[in-house]
N, C-alpha and C. Protein backbone atom coordinates (compact mmCIF):
# COMPACT_ATOMS: atom_id res chain seq x y z
N MET A 1 -37.81 29.91 -8.99
CA MET A 1 -38.37 28.98 -8.48
C MET A 1 -37.67 28.56 -7.19
N ARG A 2 -38.33 28.46 -6.07
CA ARG A 2 -37.73 27.92 -4.77
C ARG A 2 -38.57 26.71 -4.29
N GLN A 3 -37.59 25.84 -3.73
CA GLN A 3 -38.29 24.65 -2.94
C GLN A 3 -38.67 25.11 -1.49
N VAL A 4 -39.85 24.55 -1.35
CA VAL A 4 -40.28 24.91 0.30
C VAL A 4 -40.75 23.60 0.76
N VAL A 5 -40.33 23.59 2.22
CA VAL A 5 -40.64 22.41 2.95
C VAL A 5 -41.95 22.90 3.93
N LEU A 6 -42.95 21.91 3.86
CA LEU A 6 -44.16 22.26 4.70
C LEU A 6 -44.22 21.12 5.79
N TYR A 7 -44.43 21.60 6.99
CA TYR A 7 -44.80 20.44 7.97
C TYR A 7 -45.80 21.05 8.86
N PRO A 8 -46.62 20.23 9.68
CA PRO A 8 -47.48 20.64 10.69
C PRO A 8 -46.73 21.17 12.03
N GLY A 9 -46.84 22.22 12.45
CA GLY A 9 -46.15 22.59 13.76
C GLY A 9 -46.98 22.15 15.07
N GLU A 10 -46.34 22.23 16.06
CA GLU A 10 -46.77 21.86 17.30
C GLU A 10 -48.05 22.61 17.85
N ASP A 11 -48.20 23.95 17.27
CA ASP A 11 -49.34 24.67 17.52
C ASP A 11 -50.57 24.69 16.80
N GLY A 12 -50.48 23.51 15.86
CA GLY A 12 -51.57 23.33 14.99
C GLY A 12 -51.41 24.04 13.58
N PHE A 13 -50.62 25.05 13.57
CA PHE A 13 -50.35 25.82 12.27
C PHE A 13 -49.52 24.95 11.34
N TRP A 14 -49.44 25.07 10.13
CA TRP A 14 -48.48 24.62 9.13
C TRP A 14 -47.38 25.66 8.92
N VAL A 15 -46.19 25.12 8.98
CA VAL A 15 -44.89 25.68 8.96
C VAL A 15 -44.43 25.46 7.49
N ALA A 16 -43.85 26.69 7.05
CA ALA A 16 -43.11 26.57 5.66
C ALA A 16 -41.89 27.17 5.85
N GLU A 17 -40.92 26.49 5.21
CA GLU A 17 -39.62 26.87 5.05
C GLU A 17 -38.98 26.97 3.75
N CYS A 18 -38.03 27.86 3.49
CA CYS A 18 -37.44 27.87 2.22
C CYS A 18 -35.89 27.69 2.51
N PRO A 19 -35.39 26.47 2.47
CA PRO A 19 -33.94 26.01 2.86
C PRO A 19 -32.95 26.95 2.21
N SER A 20 -33.11 27.17 0.95
CA SER A 20 -32.04 27.91 0.27
C SER A 20 -32.00 29.37 0.62
N LEU A 21 -33.00 29.86 1.35
CA LEU A 21 -32.83 31.17 1.98
C LEU A 21 -32.92 31.14 3.48
N PRO A 22 -31.65 31.12 4.13
CA PRO A 22 -31.64 30.91 5.62
C PRO A 22 -32.45 31.92 6.34
N GLY A 23 -33.29 31.30 7.26
CA GLY A 23 -34.14 32.12 8.07
C GLY A 23 -35.41 32.45 7.43
N CYS A 24 -35.65 32.16 6.26
CA CYS A 24 -36.98 32.19 5.52
C CYS A 24 -38.01 31.28 5.92
N VAL A 25 -38.75 31.67 6.85
CA VAL A 25 -39.87 30.64 7.63
C VAL A 25 -41.11 31.49 7.63
N SER A 26 -42.28 30.70 7.46
CA SER A 26 -43.56 31.48 7.64
C SER A 26 -44.49 30.31 8.26
N GLN A 27 -45.74 30.50 8.36
CA GLN A 27 -46.69 29.75 8.85
C GLN A 27 -48.04 30.05 8.38
N GLY A 28 -49.07 29.36 8.62
CA GLY A 28 -50.36 29.52 8.37
C GLY A 28 -51.34 28.36 8.89
N GLU A 29 -52.64 28.91 9.17
CA GLU A 29 -53.55 28.00 9.80
C GLU A 29 -53.74 26.83 8.95
N THR A 30 -53.66 26.97 7.60
CA THR A 30 -53.75 25.83 6.55
C THR A 30 -52.74 25.78 5.70
N ARG A 31 -52.61 24.70 4.96
CA ARG A 31 -51.41 24.57 4.13
C ARG A 31 -51.53 25.69 3.11
N GLU A 32 -52.58 25.97 2.55
CA GLU A 32 -52.68 26.90 1.59
C GLU A 32 -52.23 28.47 1.99
N LYS A 33 -52.67 28.76 3.27
CA LYS A 33 -52.39 29.90 3.88
C LYS A 33 -50.59 30.05 4.05
N ALA A 34 -50.12 28.80 4.50
CA ALA A 34 -48.76 28.71 4.84
C ALA A 34 -48.09 28.94 3.64
N ILE A 35 -48.57 28.32 2.37
CA ILE A 35 -47.81 28.53 0.99
C ILE A 35 -47.89 30.03 0.61
N ALA A 36 -49.08 30.54 0.80
CA ALA A 36 -49.13 31.96 0.41
C ALA A 36 -48.29 32.87 1.16
N ASN A 37 -48.12 32.47 2.56
CA ASN A 37 -47.33 33.38 3.35
C ASN A 37 -45.82 33.16 3.01
N ILE A 38 -45.38 31.81 2.71
CA ILE A 38 -43.96 31.65 2.37
C ILE A 38 -43.59 32.38 1.01
N ARG A 39 -44.67 32.39 0.02
CA ARG A 39 -44.47 32.96 -1.04
C ARG A 39 -44.04 34.49 -1.02
N GLU A 40 -45.05 35.14 -0.11
CA GLU A 40 -44.73 36.44 0.31
C GLU A 40 -43.34 36.81 0.98
N ALA A 41 -43.05 35.77 1.77
CA ALA A 41 -41.78 35.99 2.59
C ALA A 41 -40.45 35.87 1.75
N ILE A 42 -40.77 35.01 0.66
CA ILE A 42 -39.50 34.72 -0.23
C ILE A 42 -39.29 35.97 -1.14
N GLU A 43 -40.44 36.58 -1.48
CA GLU A 43 -40.33 37.79 -2.38
C GLU A 43 -39.78 38.94 -1.50
N ALA A 44 -40.11 39.10 -0.34
CA ALA A 44 -39.51 40.12 0.53
C ALA A 44 -37.96 39.96 0.75
N TYR A 45 -37.56 38.74 1.08
CA TYR A 45 -36.39 38.27 1.41
C TYR A 45 -35.52 38.62 0.27
N ILE A 46 -35.94 38.28 -0.89
CA ILE A 46 -35.03 38.36 -2.07
C ILE A 46 -34.99 39.96 -2.46
N ALA A 47 -36.20 40.73 -2.36
CA ALA A 47 -36.17 42.12 -2.51
C ALA A 47 -35.18 42.76 -1.55
N GLY A 48 -35.10 42.41 -0.33
CA GLY A 48 -34.29 42.88 0.70
C GLY A 48 -32.86 42.74 0.28
N LEU A 49 -32.58 41.58 -0.07
CA LEU A 49 -31.21 41.32 -0.61
C LEU A 49 -30.81 42.33 -1.59
N GLN A 50 -31.65 42.45 -2.68
CA GLN A 50 -31.41 43.11 -3.83
C GLN A 50 -31.33 44.77 -3.41
N ASP A 51 -32.03 44.99 -2.48
CA ASP A 51 -31.92 46.43 -2.13
C ASP A 51 -30.69 46.88 -1.46
N ASP A 52 -30.11 45.71 -0.70
CA ASP A 52 -28.98 46.10 -0.08
C ASP A 52 -27.78 45.47 -0.92
N HIS A 53 -28.08 45.32 -2.33
CA HIS A 53 -27.01 45.03 -3.33
C HIS A 53 -26.19 43.67 -2.88
N LEU A 54 -26.80 42.76 -2.27
CA LEU A 54 -26.20 41.46 -1.76
C LEU A 54 -26.84 40.59 -2.72
N PRO A 55 -26.05 39.42 -2.81
CA PRO A 55 -26.19 38.34 -3.69
C PRO A 55 -27.30 37.49 -3.18
N VAL A 56 -28.14 37.07 -4.21
CA VAL A 56 -29.24 36.14 -3.80
C VAL A 56 -28.77 34.77 -4.09
N PRO A 57 -28.82 34.01 -2.95
CA PRO A 57 -28.32 32.57 -2.89
C PRO A 57 -29.18 31.74 -4.06
N PRO A 58 -28.37 30.94 -4.55
CA PRO A 58 -28.92 30.01 -5.80
C PRO A 58 -29.89 29.01 -5.10
N GLU A 59 -30.86 28.39 -5.83
CA GLU A 59 -31.67 27.43 -5.27
C GLU A 59 -30.84 26.17 -5.66
N ARG A 60 -30.42 25.52 -4.50
CA ARG A 60 -29.63 24.26 -4.65
C ARG A 60 -29.93 23.20 -3.56
N PHE A 61 -31.08 23.47 -2.90
CA PHE A 61 -31.70 22.59 -2.14
C PHE A 61 -32.10 21.14 -2.68
N GLU A 62 -31.98 20.20 -2.27
CA GLU A 62 -32.34 18.90 -2.93
C GLU A 62 -33.22 18.03 -1.76
N ALA A 63 -34.35 17.79 -2.10
CA ALA A 63 -35.04 16.82 -1.22
C ALA A 63 -35.03 15.28 -1.46
N LEU A 64 -35.09 14.48 -0.45
CA LEU A 64 -35.02 13.05 -0.74
C LEU A 64 -36.06 12.55 0.34
N LEU A 65 -36.85 11.54 -0.18
CA LEU A 65 -37.94 11.02 0.59
C LEU A 65 -37.08 9.54 0.86
N LEU A 66 -36.89 9.22 2.07
CA LEU A 66 -36.24 8.05 2.52
C LEU A 66 -37.07 7.24 3.35
N ALA A 67 -37.28 5.87 2.84
CA ALA A 67 -38.02 4.86 3.67
C ALA A 67 -37.12 4.43 4.69
N VAL A 68 -37.52 4.29 5.87
CA VAL A 68 -36.78 3.67 7.13
C VAL A 68 -37.54 2.66 7.75
């Protein structure tokens, strides 16, 4: 399980990031497509680390919604 942050990008696409995997970012024309794309990116990121015999960072990102 990985936490993902979704937000609308400046170009009209949705951006999806996985903060616990540095640099693991994707996008899509819709939220659903961005989610599907980041799922694929996370799987490829982890597979690449495993192929290179590198440790997979643990999921330790914590989100907080703050009213200002």
